Amino acid sequence: MADFKYSYVVCNCRKVTLGEIVHAIKEEGANSIESIGDITDAGTACGCCRSQKDDFGDPKMNLYLEQIVEKFVN
């Protein structure tokens, strides 16, 4: 996570930044990809940002919600 600024857009469809996601986790109590989506809308459109296995885009994403949850929730 250190390589990404909080302004980095994790969810391109909904334009949700890493900072918004971290805020949802730390301040709003999000503890899963689903609860992050409920609070921020991240991962609720095409789903490519959820995990590498869900990413059908080309080019692939550089950071996934799954990685963020692993880092900040677990």
C-alpha atoms as a PDB file:
ATOM      1  CA  MET A   1       0.000   0.000   0.000  1.00  0.00           C
ATOM      2  CA  ALA A   2       2.929   2.321   0.581  1.00  0.00           C
ATOM      3  CA  ASP A   3       3.357   2.773  -3.173  1.00  0.00           C
ATOM      4  CA  PHE A   4      -0.181   4.142  -3.587  1.00  0.00           C
ATOM      5  CA  LYS A   5      -1.330   7.615  -2.588  1.00  0.00           C
ATOM      6  CA  TYR A   6      -4.753   7.994  -0.970  1.00  0.00           C
ATOM      7  CA  SER A   7      -5.839   9.799  -4.147  1.00  0.00           C
ATOM      8  CA  TYR A   8      -5.228   6.626  -6.214  1.00  0.00           C
ATOM      9  CA  VAL A   9      -8.473   5.546  -7.894  1.00  0.00           C
ATOM     10  CA  VAL A  10      -9.107   1.897  -6.981  1.00  0.00           C
ATOM     11  CA  CYS A  11     -12.562   1.613  -8.557  1.00  0.00           C
ATOM     12  CA  ASN A  12     -12.570   3.202 -12.001  1.00  0.00           C
ATOM     13  CA  CYS A  13     -16.284   2.693 -12.615  1.00  0.00           C
ATOM     14  CA  ARG A  14     -17.374   4.525  -9.476  1.00  0.00           C
ATOM     15  CA  LYS A  15     -14.252   6.729  -9.158  1.00  0.00           C
ATOM     16  CA  VAL A  16     -13.568   5.593  -5.580  1.00  0.00           C
ATOM     17  CA  THR A  17     -10.130   6.369  -4.174  1.00  0.00           C
ATOM     18  CA  LEU A  18      -7.928   4.434  -1.795  1.00  0.00           C
ATOM     19  CA  GLY A  19      -8.453   7.207   0.755  1.00  0.00           C
ATOM     20  CA  GLU A  20     -12.235   6.803   0.614  1.00  0.00           C
ATOM     21  CA  ILE A  21     -11.883   3.055   1.082  1.00  0.00           C
ATOM     22  CA  VAL A  22      -9.485   3.394   4.013  1.00  0.00           C
ATOM     23  CA  HIS A  23     -11.871   5.921   5.591  1.00  0.00           C
ATOM     24  CA  ALA A  24     -14.759   3.457   5.148  1.00  0.00           C
ATOM     25  CA  ILE A  25     -12.715   0.793   6.942  1.00  0.00           C
ATOM     26  CA  LYS A  26     -11.255   2.897   9.742  1.00  0.00           C
ATOM     27  CA  GLU A  27     -14.094   5.338  10.389  1.00  0.00           C
ATOM     28  CA  GLU A  28     -17.248   3.664   9.080  1.00  0.00           C
ATOM     29  CA  GLY A  29     -16.556   0.081  10.204  1.00  0.00           C
ATOM     30  CA  ALA A  30     -16.336  -1.597   6.804  1.00  0.00           C
ATOM     31  CA  ASN A  31     -14.777  -5.034   7.233  1.00  0.00           C
ATOM     32  CA  SER A  32     -15.355  -6.776   3.901  1.00  0.00           C
ATOM     33  CA  ILE A  33     -15.441  -6.061   0.188  1.00  0.00           C
ATOM     34  CA  GLU A  34     -19.233  -6.075   0.384  1.00  0.00           C
ATOM     35  CA  SER A  35     -19.403  -3.546   3.231  1.00  0.00           C
ATOM     36  CA  ILE A  36     -16.886  -1.314   1.439  1.00  0.00           C
ATOM     37  CA  GLY A  37     -19.205  -1.445  -1.568  1.00  0.00           C
ATOM     38  CA  ASP A  38     -22.208  -0.591   0.594  1.00  0.00           C
ATOM     39  CA  ILE A  39     -20.467   2.501   1.952  1.00  0.00           C
ATOM     40  CA  THR A  40     -18.464   3.707  -1.074  1.00  0.00           C
ATOM     41  CA  ASP A  41     -19.997   1.934  -4.113  1.00  0.00           C
ATOM     42  CA  ALA A  42     -16.533   0.528  -4.941  1.00  0.00           C
ATOM     43  CA  GLY A  43     -16.753  -2.822  -6.700  1.00  0.00           C
ATOM     44  CA  THR A  44     -20.480  -2.539  -7.377  1.00  0.00           C
ATOM     45  CA  ALA A  45     -20.328  -2.017 -11.145  1.00  0.00           C
ATOM     46  CA  CYS A  46     -18.095  -4.231 -13.298  1.00  0.00           C
ATOM     47  CA  GLY A  47     -16.292  -5.834 -10.326  1.00  0.00           C
ATOM     48  CA  CYS A  48     -12.770  -5.745 -11.816  1.00  0.00           C
ATOM     49  CA  CYS A  49     -11.450  -3.955  -8.721  1.00  0.00           C
ATOM     50  CA  ARG A  50     -12.661  -6.642  -6.312  1.00  0.00           C
ATOM     51  CA  SER A  51      -9.840  -9.165  -6.890  1.00  0.00           C
ATOM     52  CA  GLN A  52      -7.388 -10.296  -9.525  1.00  0.00           C
ATOM     53  CA  LYS A  53      -9.560 -13.305 -10.362  1.00  0.00           C
ATOM     54  CA  ASP A  54     -12.526 -10.955 -11.003  1.00  0.00           C
ATOM     55  CA  ASP A  55     -10.454  -8.641 -13.212  1.00  0.00           C
ATOM     56  CA  PHE A  56     -11.315  -9.172 -16.856  1.00  0.00           C
ATOM     57  CA  GLY A  57      -9.903  -5.813 -17.951  1.00  0.00           C
ATOM     58  CA  ASP A  58      -6.914  -5.100 -20.113  1.00  0.00           C
ATOM     59  CA  PRO A  59      -4.711  -3.733 -18.703  1.00  0.00           C
ATOM     60  CA  LYS A  60      -5.183  -5.314 -15.296  1.00  0.00           C
ATOM     61  CA  MET A  61      -5.691  -3.254 -12.144  1.00  0.00           C
ATOM     62  CA  ASN A  62      -2.694  -2.474  -9.919  1.00  0.00           C
ATOM     63  CA  LEU A  63      -4.548  -2.618  -6.597  1.00  0.00           C
ATOM     64  CA  TYR A  64      -7.615  -4.632  -5.594  1.00  0.00           C
ATOM     65  CA  LEU A  65     -10.198  -4.320  -2.826  1.00  0.00           C
ATOM     66  CA  GLU A  66      -9.195  -7.801  -1.682  1.00  0.00           C
ATOM     67  CA  GLN A  67      -5.631  -6.571  -1.013  1.00  0.00           C
ATOM     68  CA  ILE A  68      -6.885  -3.503   0.847  1.00  0.00           C
ATOM     69  CA  VAL A  69      -9.139  -5.608   3.067  1.00  0.00           C
ATOM     70  CA  GLU A  70      -6.236  -7.971   3.825  1.00  0.00           C
ATOM     71  CA  LYS A  71      -4.014  -5.026   4.779  1.00  0.00           C
ATOM     72  CA  PHE A  72      -6.445  -2.945   6.862  1.00  0.00           C
ATOM     73  CA  VAL A  73      -9.034  -5.380   8.214  1.00  0.00           C
ATOM     74  CA  ASN A  74      -7.125  -8.562   9.056  1.00  0.00           C
END
